[in-house]
Amino acid sequence: MAPAALVAPPAPPRVVGPETRRITRPTNKIPKFLIDEACITNKESFDPEKHVNFQPPSKIYTMKEIGLEGHGISPNAVSEPFPLFTEGAIKQIRAEVFSESVLESCQYSSTFVKNMVRGMGPVRAPFTYDAWYCPEVLARISEVAGIELVPVFDFDIGNVNISVNDPSSTKGPDGSKCDNLSAFAWHYDSFPFVCVTMLSDCTEMIGGETMIKNGNGETMKVRGPTMGTAVVMQGRYIEHQALKALGGRERISMVTAFRPKSPFVKDEIILTGVRGTSDLSELYSQYSMYRLEVLEERIRAHMKKERKREDAKRPFDVDNTKRFLMEQKEFLESMLEEIV
């Protein structure tokens, strides 16, 4: 009987990023009331016992359920919103987001998002960075994702999308009820997983769901998060869009990007979606560092296997070695395509 043919994994989807090609600062200023209300006198250090409020999501949709089995790096696709941080934690995060040092240096604008804060860094935002690097938080995010994850790199910890609404408006521009107006175009993310955490009180909001496209082209809605809750999604492999949220005063969400902790899981991260809204020196430095660390771990593991093979007096495996080298060649070539 002939051996079964190996089926190549599906190619990763093409990512279309914003048209913004260089750093652009927002022209619409953040309202003073947001800055004033975010000020706190009692700044705290992150404490998981005090600031984590995790409860498992009521539902985690699988890639098989949405018609994308075999795609991506995990069988899990997207979660329903689940509690993650306490109200006290959200207040500390907001205080860092709207601090003077962050607003001076970390505001960006693109054709996708008019006002965002990114690249705050651990010096300007120690509470936020300690939260996302906390082992308990990482364990919970990994549990929901179905694979062990770590933040992709510092620049994409805590990307904050800021929208200030007209609280009296619950209708679209044409006066119709606003059920499916999109806040973003259909897109794929640059990173394997994202965790979207809500920093606003959504009590009076209408909409704000995430629409995802199934493998057969049909769409489904996933409920949007409320303050302190989060949604985990394998956004690199799922086409999705955020729907507008109307009513209420503001909608402020924090998006943190994740990658697999293991260096042996396929890595299809690209920078298309973030290059135009980043300090390129920081972005390329952090991207290169983590990729080279992944390459180093892979080479060390291969060297260990080779030493064991020699000790056991087994013959050199030409095919396996060429396969390994070709994989690393493709890995390096993908880096060359991203550093432009």
C-alpha atoms as a PDB file:
ATOM      1  CA  MET A   1       0.000   0.000   0.000  1.00  0.00           C
ATOM      2  CA  ALA A   2       1.420   3.359  -0.997  1.00  0.00           C
ATOM      3  CA  PRO A   3       2.045   5.817   1.857  1.00  0.00           C
ATOM      4  CA  ALA A   4      -0.537   8.557   2.254  1.00  0.00           C
ATOM      5  CA  ALA A   5       0.454  11.823   0.631  1.00  0.00           C
ATOM      6  CA  LEU A   6       1.408  14.595   3.025  1.00  0.00           C
ATOM      7  CA  VAL A   7      -1.072  17.461   2.899  1.00  0.00           C
ATOM      8  CA  ALA A   8       0.600  20.853   3.052  1.00  0.00           C
ATOM      9  CA  PRO A   9      -0.907  23.236   5.615  1.00  0.00           C
ATOM     10  CA  PRO A  10      -3.009  26.060   4.167  1.00  0.00           C
ATOM     11  CA  ALA A  11      -1.072  29.178   3.208  1.00  0.00           C
ATOM     12  CA  PRO A  12      -1.618  32.102   5.582  1.00  0.00           C
ATOM     13  CA  PRO A  13      -4.126  34.710   4.401  1.00  0.00           C
ATOM     14  CA  ARG A  14      -2.887  37.948   2.873  1.00  0.00           C
ATOM     15  CA  VAL A  15      -3.007  40.887   5.256  1.00  0.00           C
ATOM     16  CA  VAL A  16      -4.066  44.320   3.974  1.00  0.00           C
ATOM     17  CA  GLY A  17      -2.914  47.064   6.306  1.00  0.00           C
ATOM     18  CA  PRO A  18      -3.923  50.705   6.598  1.00  0.00           C
ATOM     19  CA  GLU A  19      -2.936  53.064   3.820  1.00  0.00           C
ATOM     20  CA  THR A  20      -0.904  55.055   6.359  1.00  0.00           C
ATOM     21  CA  ARG A  21       2.775  54.630   5.456  1.00  0.00           C
ATOM     22  CA  ARG A  22       4.510  56.818   8.022  1.00  0.00           C
ATOM     23  CA  ILE A  23       3.861  58.054  11.537  1.00  0.00           C
ATOM     24  CA  THR A  24       0.804  60.299  11.606  1.00  0.00           C
ATOM     25  CA  ARG A  25      -0.417  62.014  14.752  1.00  0.00           C
ATOM     26  CA  PRO A  26      -4.165  62.434  15.393  1.00  0.00           C
ATOM     27  CA  THR A  27      -5.731  65.755  14.418  1.00  0.00           C
ATOM     28  CA  ASN A  28      -8.708  65.302  16.740  1.00  0.00           C
ATOM     29  CA  LYS A  29      -7.623  65.950  20.323  1.00  0.00           C
ATOM     30  CA  ILE A  30      -8.624  63.664  23.147  1.00  0.00           C
ATOM     31  CA  PRO A  31     -11.302  65.420  25.229  1.00  0.00           C
ATOM     32  CA  LYS A  32      -9.993  66.982  28.424  1.00  0.00           C
ATOM     33  CA  PHE A  33     -12.608  65.187  30.540  1.00  0.00           C
ATOM     34  CA  LEU A  34     -11.081  61.808  29.615  1.00  0.00           C
ATOM     35  CA  ILE A  35      -7.639  62.970  30.686  1.00  0.00           C
ATOM     36  CA  ASP A  36      -8.899  64.588  33.894  1.00  0.00           C
ATOM     37  CA  GLU A  37     -11.025  61.612  34.916  1.00  0.00           C
ATOM     38  CA  ALA A  38      -8.153  59.184  34.312  1.00  0.00           C
ATOM     39  CA  CYS A  39      -5.900  60.987  36.796  1.00  0.00           C
ATOM     40  CA  ILE A  40      -5.434  59.038  40.017  1.00  0.00           C
ATOM     41  CA  THR A  41      -3.366  59.907  43.054  1.00  0.00           C
ATOM     42  CA  ASN A  42      -3.023  56.342  44.314  1.00  0.00           C
ATOM     43  CA  LYS A  43      -0.873  54.568  41.739  1.00  0.00           C
ATOM     44  CA  GLU A  44      -0.445  50.879  42.444  1.00  0.00           C
ATOM     45  CA  SER A  45       1.795  48.049  41.318  1.00  0.00           C
ATOM     46  CA  PHE A  46       0.089  45.205  39.519  1.00  0.00           C
ATOM     47  CA  ASP A  47      -0.975  42.453  41.921  1.00  0.00           C
ATOM     48  CA  PRO A  48      -2.723  39.418  40.387  1.00  0.00           C
ATOM     49  CA  GLU A  49      -4.523  38.630  43.635  1.00  0.00           C
ATOM     50  CA  LYS A  50      -6.051  42.101  43.627  1.00  0.00           C
ATOM     51  CA  HIS A  51      -6.323  42.946  39.941  1.00  0.00           C
ATOM     52  CA  VAL A  52      -7.155  39.677  38.109  1.00  0.00           C
ATOM     53  CA  ASN A  53     -10.819  38.676  37.935  1.00  0.00           C
ATOM     54  CA  PHE A  54     -10.684  35.778  35.487  1.00  0.00           C
ATOM     55  CA  GLN A  55     -13.711  33.630  34.804  1.00  0.00           C
ATOM     56  CA  PRO A  56     -13.766  31.189  31.861  1.00  0.00           C
ATOM     57  CA  PRO A  57     -15.737  32.261  28.788  1.00  0.00           C
ATOM     58  CA  SER A  58     -19.186  30.773  28.331  1.00  0.00           C
ATOM     59  CA  LYS A  59     -18.204  29.630  24.848  1.00  0.00           C
ATOM     60  CA  ILE A  60     -15.029  29.188  22.808  1.00  0.00           C
ATOM     61  CA  TYR A  61     -15.693  28.710  19.098  1.00  0.00           C
ATOM     62  CA  THR A  62     -13.333  26.306  17.365  1.00  0.00           C
ATOM     63  CA  MET A  63     -11.753  26.660  13.956  1.00  0.00           C
ATOM     64  CA  LYS A  64     -13.655  23.532  12.931  1.00  0.00           C
ATOM     65  CA  GLU A  65     -16.969  25.116  13.959  1.00  0.00           C
ATOM     66  CA  ILE A  66     -16.359  28.134  11.741  1.00  0.00           C
ATOM     67  CA  GLY A  67     -15.186  26.076   8.773  1.00  0.00           C
ATOM     68  CA  LEU A  68     -11.445  26.763   9.121  1.00  0.00           C
ATOM     69  CA  GLU A  69     -10.182  23.469  10.526  1.00  0.00           C
ATOM     70  CA  GLY A  70      -6.450  23.031   9.827  1.00  0.00           C
ATOM     71  CA  HIS A  71      -5.817  26.773   9.602  1.00  0.00           C
ATOM     72  CA  GLY A  72      -3.753  28.634  12.161  1.00  0.00           C
ATOM     73  CA  ILE A  73      -1.782  27.446  15.171  1.00  0.00           C
ATOM     74  CA  SER A  74      -4.585  26.364  17.517  1.00  0.00           C
ATOM     75  CA  PRO A  75      -7.943  24.587  17.252  1.00  0.00           C
ATOM     76  CA  ASN A  76      -9.549  27.529  19.105  1.00  0.00           C
ATOM     77  CA  ALA A  77     -10.895  30.416  17.035  1.00  0.00           C
ATOM     78  CA  VAL A  78     -12.574  33.073  19.178  1.00  0.00           C
ATOM     79  CA  SER A  79     -14.082  33.333  22.634  1.00  0.00           C
ATOM     80  CA  GLU A  80     -17.169  34.956  24.026  1.00  0.00           C
ATOM     81  CA  PRO A  81     -16.264  37.863  26.351  1.00  0.00           C
ATOM     82  CA  PHE A  82     -14.963  36.761  29.759  1.00  0.00           C
ATOM     83  CA  PRO A  83     -14.002  38.674  32.936  1.00  0.00           C
ATOM     84  CA  LEU A  84     -10.244  39.276  33.105  1.00  0.00           C
ATOM     85  CA  PHE A  85      -9.383  42.424  35.119  1.00  0.00           C
ATOM     86  CA  THR A  86     -11.020  44.175  38.069  1.00  0.00           C
ATOM     87  CA  GLU A  87     -12.388  47.703  37.878  1.00  0.00           C
ATOM     88  CA  GLY A  88      -9.406  48.842  39.952  1.00  0.00           C
ATOM     89  CA  ALA A  89      -7.022  47.397  37.375  1.00  0.00           C
ATOM     90  CA  ILE A  90      -8.836  49.180  34.546  1.00  0.00           C
ATOM     91  CA  LYS A  91      -8.525  52.507  36.397  1.00  0.00           C
ATOM     92  CA  GLN A  92      -4.761  52.010  36.745  1.00  0.00           C
ATOM     93  CA  ILE A  93      -4.429  51.159  33.037  1.00  0.00           C
ATOM     94  CA  ARG A  94      -6.495  54.178  31.982  1.00  0.00           C
ATOM     95  CA  ALA A  95      -4.346  56.430  34.161  1.00  0.00           C
ATOM     96  CA  GLU A  96      -1.274  55.284  32.226  1.00  0.00           C
ATOM     97  CA  VAL A  97      -2.946  55.541  28.812  1.00  0.00           C
ATOM     98  CA  PHE A  98      -4.010  59.149  29.421  1.00  0.00           C
ATOM     99  CA  SER A  99      -0.844  60.237  31.237  1.00  0.00           C
ATOM    100  CA  GLU A 100       1.062  63.247  29.904  1.00  0.00           C
ATOM    101  CA  SER A 101       4.165  61.251  28.933  1.00  0.00           C
ATOM    102  CA  VAL A 102       2.112  58.734  26.921  1.00  0.00           C
ATOM    103  CA  LEU A 103      -0.037  61.310  25.125  1.00  0.00           C
ATOM    104  CA  GLU A 104       3.060  63.311  24.179  1.00  0.00           C
ATOM    105  CA  SER A 105       4.856  60.408  22.493  1.00  0.00           C
ATOM    106  CA  CYS A 106       2.518  57.502  21.824  1.00  0.00           C
ATOM    107  CA  GLN A 107      -0.500  58.813  19.895  1.00  0.00           C
ATOM    108  CA  TYR A 108      -0.962  57.552  16.341  1.00  0.00           C
ATOM    109  CA  SER A 109      -3.571  57.817  13.613  1.00  0.00           C
ATOM    110  CA  SER A 110      -4.239  55.669  10.554  1.00  0.00           C
ATOM    111  CA  THR A 111      -6.849  55.107   7.883  1.00  0.00           C
ATOM    112  CA  PHE A 112      -8.157  52.285  10.110  1.00  0.00           C
ATOM    113  CA  VAL A 113      -8.234  54.096  13.475  1.00  0.00           C
ATOM    114  CA  LYS A 114      -8.332  57.872  13.890  1.00  0.00           C
ATOM    115  CA  ASN A 115      -6.942  57.910  17.413  1.00  0.00           C
ATOM    116  CA  MET A 116      -4.861  55.221  19.024  1.00  0.00           C
ATOM    117  CA  VAL A 117      -2.169  54.915  21.659  1.00  0.00           C
ATOM    118  CA  ARG A 118       0.581  52.339  21.121  1.00  0.00           C
ATOM    119  CA  GLY A 119       4.147  51.591  22.063  1.00  0.00           C
ATOM    120  CA  MET A 120       3.777  52.973  25.602  1.00  0.00           C
ATOM    121  CA  GLY A 121       6.647  50.840  26.881  1.00  0.00           C
ATOM    122  CA  PRO A 122       7.275  49.556  30.418  1.00  0.00           C
ATOM    123  CA  VAL A 123       8.755  52.854  31.635  1.00  0.00           C
ATOM    124  CA  ARG A 124       5.656  54.932  30.813  1.00  0.00           C
ATOM    125  CA  ALA A 125       3.164  52.159  31.583  1.00  0.00           C
ATOM    126  CA  PRO A 126       4.621  49.786  34.211  1.00  0.00           C
ATOM    127  CA  PHE A 127       1.234  48.588  35.499  1.00  0.00           C
ATOM    128  CA  THR A 128      -0.001  47.716  31.993  1.00  0.00           C
ATOM    129  CA  TYR A 129       3.171  45.839  31.080  1.00  0.00           C
ATOM    130  CA  ASP A 130       3.324  43.966  34.391  1.00  0.00           C
ATOM    131  CA  ALA A 131      -0.296  42.934  33.818  1.00  0.00           C
ATOM    132  CA  TRP A 132       0.337  41.451  30.376  1.00  0.00           C
ATOM    133  CA  TYR A 133       3.566  39.737  31.430  1.00  0.00           C
ATOM    134  CA  CYS A 134       1.981  38.344  34.629  1.00  0.00           C
ATOM    135  CA  PRO A 135       2.298  34.507  34.589  1.00  0.00           C
ATOM    136  CA  GLU A 136      -1.298  34.084  35.808  1.00  0.00           C
ATOM    137  CA  VAL A 137      -2.694  36.362  33.098  1.00  0.00           C
ATOM    138  CA  LEU A 138      -0.624  34.594  30.439  1.00  0.00           C
ATOM    139  CA  ALA A 139      -1.814  31.210  31.707  1.00  0.00           C
ATOM    140  CA  ARG A 140      -5.455  32.303  31.464  1.00  0.00           C
ATOM    141  CA  ILE A 141      -5.059  33.814  27.985  1.00  0.00           C
ATOM    142  CA  SER A 142      -3.287  30.637  26.845  1.00  0.00           C
ATOM    143  CA  GLU A 143      -6.067  28.516  28.342  1.00  0.00           C
ATOM    144  CA  VAL A 144      -8.674  30.359  26.277  1.00  0.00           C
ATOM    145  CA  ALA A 145      -6.488  30.320  23.142  1.00  0.00           C
ATOM    146  CA  GLY A 146      -5.776  26.593  23.398  1.00  0.00           C
ATOM    147  CA  ILE A 147      -2.020  27.114  23.042  1.00  0.00           C
ATOM    148  CA  GLU A 148       0.691  28.598  25.260  1.00  0.00           C
ATOM    149  CA  LEU A 149       1.154  32.237  24.279  1.00  0.00           C
ATOM    150  CA  VAL A 150       3.422  35.176  25.145  1.00  0.00           C
ATOM    151  CA  PRO A 151       3.182  38.855  24.124  1.00  0.00           C
ATOM    152  CA  VAL A 152       4.554  39.239  20.612  1.00  0.00           C
ATOM    153  CA  PHE A 153       6.873  42.098  21.663  1.00  0.00           C
ATOM    154  CA  ASP A 154       6.680  45.234  23.810  1.00  0.00           C
ATOM    155  CA  PHE A 155       5.519  47.673  21.122  1.00  0.00           C
ATOM    156  CA  ASP A 156       2.273  45.753  20.602  1.00  0.00           C
ATOM    157  CA  ILE A 157       1.384  45.379  24.246  1.00  0.00           C
ATOM    158  CA  GLY A 158      -1.633  47.539  24.981  1.00  0.00           C
ATOM    159  CA  ASN A 159      -2.565  49.073  21.636  1.00  0.00           C
ATOM    160  CA  VAL A 160      -5.453  51.356  22.676  1.00  0.00           C
ATOM    161  CA  ASN A 161      -8.195  52.349  20.225  1.00  0.00           C
ATOM    162  CA  ILE A 162     -10.002  55.510  21.341  1.00  0.00           C
ATOM    163  CA  SER A 163     -13.410  56.611  20.082  1.00  0.00           C
ATOM    164  CA  VAL A 164     -15.533  59.349  21.641  1.00  0.00           C
ATOM    165  CA  ASN A 165     -19.211  59.062  20.751  1.00  0.00           C
ATOM    166  CA  ASP A 166     -22.210  61.317  20.573  1.00  0.00           C
ATOM    167  CA  PRO A 167     -24.192  59.704  23.411  1.00  0.00           C
ATOM    168  CA  SER A 168     -27.517  60.775  21.906  1.00  0.00           C
ATOM    169  CA  SER A 169     -26.890  58.947  18.638  1.00  0.00           C
ATOM    170  CA  THR A 170     -28.171  55.403  18.203  1.00  0.00           C
ATOM    171  CA  LYS A 171     -28.712  55.601  14.451  1.00  0.00           C
ATOM    172  CA  GLY A 172     -26.548  55.472  11.391  1.00  0.00           C
ATOM    173  CA  PRO A 173     -25.725  58.377   9.082  1.00  0.00           C
ATOM    174  CA  ASP A 174     -28.820  57.746   6.999  1.00  0.00           C
ATOM    175  CA  GLY A 175     -31.074  57.675  10.056  1.00  0.00           C
ATOM    176  CA  SER A 176     -31.464  53.904   9.989  1.00  0.00           C
ATOM    177  CA  LYS A 177     -30.921  51.758  13.046  1.00  0.00           C
ATOM    178  CA  CYS A 178     -27.227  51.016  13.409  1.00  0.00           C
ATOM    179  CA  ASP A 179     -27.090  47.221  13.468  1.00  0.00           C
ATOM    180  CA  ASN A 180     -24.233  46.420  11.100  1.00  0.00           C
ATOM    181  CA  LEU A 181     -22.255  49.617  10.507  1.00  0.00           C
ATOM    182  CA  SER A 182     -18.585  48.724  10.532  1.00  0.00           C
ATOM    183  CA  ALA A 183     -15.938  50.540  12.545  1.00  0.00           C
ATOM    184  CA  PHE A 184     -13.204  48.720  10.574  1.00  0.00           C
ATOM    185  CA  ALA A 185     -13.110  47.121   7.156  1.00  0.00           C
ATOM    186  CA  TRP A 186     -12.865  43.348   6.864  1.00  0.00           C
ATOM    187  CA  HIS A 187      -9.284  42.379   7.658  1.00  0.00           C
ATOM    188  CA  TYR A 188      -6.846  39.828   9.055  1.00  0.00           C
ATOM    189  CA  ASP A 189      -4.444  40.692  11.865  1.00  0.00           C
ATOM    190  CA  SER A 190      -0.663  40.692  11.568  1.00  0.00           C
ATOM    191  CA  PHE A 191      -0.266  38.515  14.668  1.00  0.00           C
ATOM    192  CA  PRO A 192      -1.574  35.015  15.480  1.00  0.00           C
ATOM    193  CA  PHE A 193      -3.718  35.911  18.498  1.00  0.00           C
ATOM    194  CA  VAL A 194      -5.061  39.101  20.021  1.00  0.00           C
ATOM    195  CA  CYS A 195      -6.728  39.771  23.332  1.00  0.00           C
ATOM    196  CA  VAL A 196      -9.196  42.691  23.160  1.00  0.00           C
ATOM    197  CA  THR A 197      -9.954  44.169  26.597  1.00  0.00           C
ATOM    198  CA  MET A 198     -12.610  46.819  27.172  1.00  0.00           C
ATOM    199  CA  LEU A 199     -11.542  49.877  29.162  1.00  0.00           C
ATOM    200  CA  SER A 200     -14.917  51.686  28.971  1.00  0.00           C
ATOM    201  CA  ASP A 201     -18.268  51.407  30.690  1.00  0.00           C
ATOM    202  CA  CYS A 202     -20.491  49.953  27.967  1.00  0.00           C
ATOM    203  CA  THR A 203     -23.788  50.120  29.878  1.00  0.00           C
ATOM    204  CA  GLU A 204     -25.579  52.373  27.374  1.00  0.00           C
ATOM    205  CA  MET A 205     -23.807  51.204  24.226  1.00  0.00           C
ATOM    206  CA  ILE A 206     -25.481  49.646  21.223  1.00  0.00           C
ATOM    207  CA  GLY A 207     -23.439  47.443  18.875  1.00  0.00           C
ATOM    208  CA  GLY A 208     -19.698  46.952  19.214  1.00  0.00           C
ATOM    209  CA  GLU A 209     -19.749  43.276  18.264  1.00  0.00           C
ATOM    210  CA  THR A 210     -17.061  41.540  16.233  1.00  0.00           C
ATOM    211  CA  MET A 211     -18.224  40.074  12.933  1.00  0.00           C
ATOM    212  CA  ILE A 212     -16.245  37.067  11.695  1.00  0.00           C
ATOM    213  CA  LYS A 213     -16.359  35.352   8.332  1.00  0.00           C
ATOM    214  CA  ASN A 214     -16.660  31.560   8.266  1.00  0.00           C
ATOM    215  CA  GLY A 215     -14.813  29.288   5.894  1.00  0.00           C
ATOM    216  CA  ASN A 216     -17.883  29.132   3.641  1.00  0.00           C
ATOM    217  CA  GLY A 217     -18.135  32.932   3.435  1.00  0.00           C
ATOM    218  CA  GLU A 218     -21.033  33.273   5.856  1.00  0.00           C
ATOM    219  CA  THR A 219     -20.776  35.701   8.764  1.00  0.00           C
ATOM    220  CA  MET A 220     -21.477  35.472  12.473  1.00  0.00           C
ATOM    221  CA  LYS A 221     -21.399  37.960  15.336  1.00  0.00           C
ATOM    222  CA  VAL A 222     -19.424  37.589  18.548  1.00  0.00           C
ATOM    223  CA  ARG A 223     -20.632  39.748  21.431  1.00  0.00           C
ATOM    224  CA  GLY A 224     -18.388  42.691  22.276  1.00  0.00           C
ATOM    225  CA  PRO A 225     -16.643  42.902  25.660  1.00  0.00           C
ATOM    226  CA  THR A 226     -17.737  45.102  28.567  1.00  0.00           C
ATOM    227  CA  MET A 227     -15.480  46.908  31.044  1.00  0.00           C
ATOM    228  CA  GLY A 228     -12.813  44.587  32.414  1.00  0.00           C
ATOM    229  CA  THR A 229     -13.803  41.720  30.155  1.00  0.00           C
ATOM    230  CA  ALA A 230     -11.856  40.423  27.166  1.00  0.00           C
ATOM    231  CA  VAL A 231     -12.183  38.470  23.933  1.00  0.00           C
ATOM    232  CA  VAL A 232      -9.398  36.239  22.616  1.00  0.00           C
ATOM    233  CA  MET A 233      -9.288  35.655  18.837  1.00  0.00           C
ATOM    234  CA  GLN A 234      -6.968  33.947  16.369  1.00  0.00           C
ATOM    235  CA  GLY A 235      -7.128  37.038  14.180  1.00  0.00           C
ATOM    236  CA  ARG A 236      -4.230  36.220  11.836  1.00  0.00           C
ATOM    237  CA  TYR A 237      -6.313  33.426  10.336  1.00  0.00           C
ATOM    238  CA  ILE A 238      -9.896  34.682  10.731  1.00  0.00           C
ATOM    239  CA  GLU A 239     -11.279  37.476   8.575  1.00  0.00           C
ATOM    240  CA  HIS A 240     -13.162  39.859  10.844  1.00  0.00           C
ATOM    241  CA  GLN A 241     -14.373  43.398  11.385  1.00  0.00           C
ATOM    242  CA  ALA A 242     -15.480  45.448  14.383  1.00  0.00           C
ATOM    243  CA  LEU A 243     -18.964  46.900  14.265  1.00  0.00           C
ATOM    244  CA  LYS A 244     -19.615  50.448  15.416  1.00  0.00           C
ATOM    245  CA  ALA A 245     -20.736  51.013  18.986  1.00  0.00           C
ATOM    246  CA  LEU A 246     -23.170  53.883  19.395  1.00  0.00           C
ATOM    247  CA  GLY A 247     -24.634  55.421  22.494  1.00  0.00           C
ATOM    248  CA  GLY A 248     -22.589  55.963  25.591  1.00  0.00           C
ATOM    249  CA  ARG A 249     -19.834  58.515  25.836  1.00  0.00           C
ATOM    250  CA  GLU A 250     -16.713  56.673  24.690  1.00  0.00           C
ATOM    251  CA  ARG A 251     -15.400  53.346  23.521  1.00  0.00           C
ATOM    252  CA  ILE A 252     -11.830  52.615  24.542  1.00  0.00           C
ATOM    253  CA  SER A 253     -10.453  49.139  23.941  1.00  0.00           C
ATOM    254  CA  MET A 254      -6.983  47.710  24.471  1.00  0.00           C
ATOM    255  CA  VAL A 255      -5.607  45.170  21.986  1.00  0.00           C
ATOM    256  CA  THR A 256      -2.572  43.100  22.979  1.00  0.00           C
ATOM    257  CA  ALA A 257      -0.941  40.825  20.394  1.00  0.00           C
ATOM    258  CA  PHE A 258       0.348  37.332  21.203  1.00  0.00           C
ATOM    259  CA  ARG A 259       2.536  34.711  19.570  1.00  0.00           C
ATOM    260  CA  PRO A 260       3.227  31.060  20.450  1.00  0.00           C
ATOM    261  CA  LYS A 261       5.744  30.594  23.256  1.00  0.00           C
ATOM    262  CA  SER A 262       7.238  27.521  21.601  1.00  0.00           C
ATOM    263  CA  PRO A 263       9.850  28.318  18.921  1.00  0.00           C
ATOM    264  CA  PHE A 264       8.792  25.148  17.096  1.00  0.00           C
ATOM    265  CA  VAL A 265       5.270  26.314  16.256  1.00  0.00           C
ATOM    266  CA  LYS A 266       4.961  27.871  12.800  1.00  0.00           C
ATOM    267  CA  ASP A 267       5.511  31.614  12.825  1.00  0.00           C
ATOM    268  CA  GLU A 268       3.637  33.603  10.168  1.00  0.00           C
ATOM    269  CA  ILE A 269       3.779  37.013  11.828  1.00  0.00           C
ATOM    270  CA  ILE A 270       4.050  39.957   9.467  1.00  0.00           C
ATOM    271  CA  LEU A 271       4.246  43.712  10.064  1.00  0.00           C
ATOM    272  CA  THR A 272       1.851  44.919   7.365  1.00  0.00           C
ATOM    273  CA  GLY A 273      -0.829  46.018   9.782  1.00  0.00           C
ATOM    274  CA  VAL A 274       1.442  47.930  12.177  1.00  0.00           C
ATOM    275  CA  ARG A 275       4.384  49.300  10.179  1.00  0.00           C
ATOM    276  CA  GLY A 276       2.737  52.652   9.396  1.00  0.00           C
ATOM    277  CA  THR A 277       1.712  53.273  13.009  1.00  0.00           C
ATOM    278  CA  SER A 278       4.973  52.434  14.754  1.00  0.00           C
ATOM    279  CA  ASP A 279       8.362  53.839  15.579  1.00  0.00           C
ATOM    280  CA  LEU A 280      10.205  51.694  13.028  1.00  0.00           C
ATOM    281  CA  SER A 281      13.469  51.630  14.964  1.00  0.00           C
ATOM    282  CA  GLU A 282      11.686  50.161  17.999  1.00  0.00           C
ATOM    283  CA  LEU A 283       9.449  47.895  15.934  1.00  0.00           C
ATOM    284  CA  TYR A 284      12.228  46.412  13.805  1.00  0.00           C
ATOM    285  CA  SER A 285      14.536  46.013  16.799  1.00  0.00           C
ATOM    286  CA  GLN A 286      11.968  44.091  18.829  1.00  0.00           C
ATOM    287  CA  TYR A 287      10.777  42.071  15.837  1.00  0.00           C
ATOM    288  CA  SER A 288      14.341  41.103  14.874  1.00  0.00           C
ATOM    289  CA  MET A 289      15.292  40.223  18.440  1.00  0.00           C
ATOM    290  CA  TYR A 290      12.423  37.821  19.018  1.00  0.00           C
ATOM    291  CA  ARG A 291      12.819  36.203  15.581  1.00  0.00           C
ATOM    292  CA  LEU A 292      16.536  35.674  16.088  1.00  0.00           C
ATOM    293  CA  GLU A 293      15.842  34.175  19.512  1.00  0.00           C
ATOM    294  CA  VAL A 294      13.384  31.768  17.872  1.00  0.00           C
ATOM    295  CA  LEU A 295      16.011  30.871  15.265  1.00  0.00           C
ATOM    296  CA  GLU A 296      18.627  30.381  17.997  1.00  0.00           C
ATOM    297  CA  GLU A 297      16.347  27.977  19.904  1.00  0.00           C
ATOM    298  CA  ARG A 298      15.630  25.993  16.766  1.00  0.00           C
ATOM    299  CA  ILE A 299      19.323  25.691  15.883  1.00  0.00           C
ATOM    300  CA  ARG A 300      20.257  24.671  19.425  1.00  0.00           C
ATOM    301  CA  ALA A 301      17.580  21.961  19.397  1.00  0.00           C
ATOM    302  CA  HIS A 302      18.780  20.685  16.009  1.00  0.00           C
ATOM    303  CA  MET A 303      22.389  20.630  17.209  1.00  0.00           C
ATOM    304  CA  LYS A 304      21.341  18.608  20.267  1.00  0.00           C
ATOM    305  CA  LYS A 305      19.622  16.055  18.033  1.00  0.00           C
ATOM    306  CA  GLU A 306      22.716  15.852  15.827  1.00  0.00           C
ATOM    307  CA  ARG A 307      24.995  15.193  18.809  1.00  0.00           C
ATOM    308  CA  LYS A 308      22.694  12.418  19.999  1.00  0.00           C
ATOM    309  CA  ARG A 309      22.694  10.928  16.505  1.00  0.00           C
ATOM    310  CA  GLU A 310      26.490  10.921  16.399  1.00  0.00           C
ATOM    311  CA  ASP A 311      26.716   9.375  19.855  1.00  0.00           C
ATOM    312  CA  ALA A 312      24.370   6.604  18.728  1.00  0.00           C
ATOM    313  CA  LYS A 313      26.451   6.074  15.535  1.00  0.00           C
ATOM    314  CA  ARG A 314      23.422   6.566  13.309  1.00  0.00           C
ATOM    315  CA  PRO A 315      23.955   7.750   9.700  1.00  0.00           C
ATOM    316  CA  PHE A 316      23.548  11.406   8.746  1.00  0.00           C
ATOM    317  CA  ASP A 317      19.988  12.169   7.597  1.00  0.00           C
ATOM    318  CA  VAL A 318      20.413  14.280   4.477  1.00  0.00           C
ATOM    319  CA  ASP A 319      16.697  14.753   3.757  1.00  0.00           C
ATOM    320  CA  ASN A 320      15.830  15.779   7.306  1.00  0.00           C
ATOM    321  CA  THR A 321      18.745  18.220   7.510  1.00  0.00           C
ATOM    322  CA  LYS A 322      17.881  19.819   4.181  1.00  0.00           C
ATOM    323  CA  ARG A 323      14.271  20.122   5.287  1.00  0.00           C
ATOM    324  CA  PHE A 324      15.337  21.858   8.509  1.00  0.00           C
ATOM    325  CA  LEU A 325      17.675  24.235   6.685  1.00  0.00           C
ATOM    326  CA  MET A 326      15.017  25.081   4.106  1.00  0.00           C
ATOM    327  CA  GLU A 327      12.537  25.939   6.877  1.00  0.00           C
ATOM    328  CA  GLN A 328      15.053  28.301   8.479  1.00  0.00           C
ATOM    329  CA  LYS A 329      15.904  29.801   5.099  1.00  0.00           C
ATOM    330  CA  GLU A 330      12.228  30.609   4.556  1.00  0.00           C
ATOM    331  CA  PHE A 331      12.055  32.009   8.091  1.00  0.00           C
ATOM    332  CA  LEU A 332      14.961  34.392   7.379  1.00  0.00           C
ATOM    333  CA  GLU A 333      13.595  35.338   3.965  1.00  0.00           C
ATOM    334  CA  SER A 334      10.286  36.306   5.556  1.00  0.00           C
ATOM    335  CA  MET A 335      12.226  38.630   7.895  1.00  0.00           C
ATOM    336  CA  LEU A 336      13.886  40.277   4.913  1.00  0.00           C
ATOM    337  CA  GLU A 337      10.446  40.940   3.426  1.00  0.00           C
ATOM    338  CA  GLU A 338       9.195  42.589   6.631  1.00  0.00           C
ATOM    339  CA  ILE A 339      12.170  44.852   7.372  1.00  0.00           C
ATOM    340  CA  VAL A 340      11.741  47.436   4.606  1.00  0.00           C
END
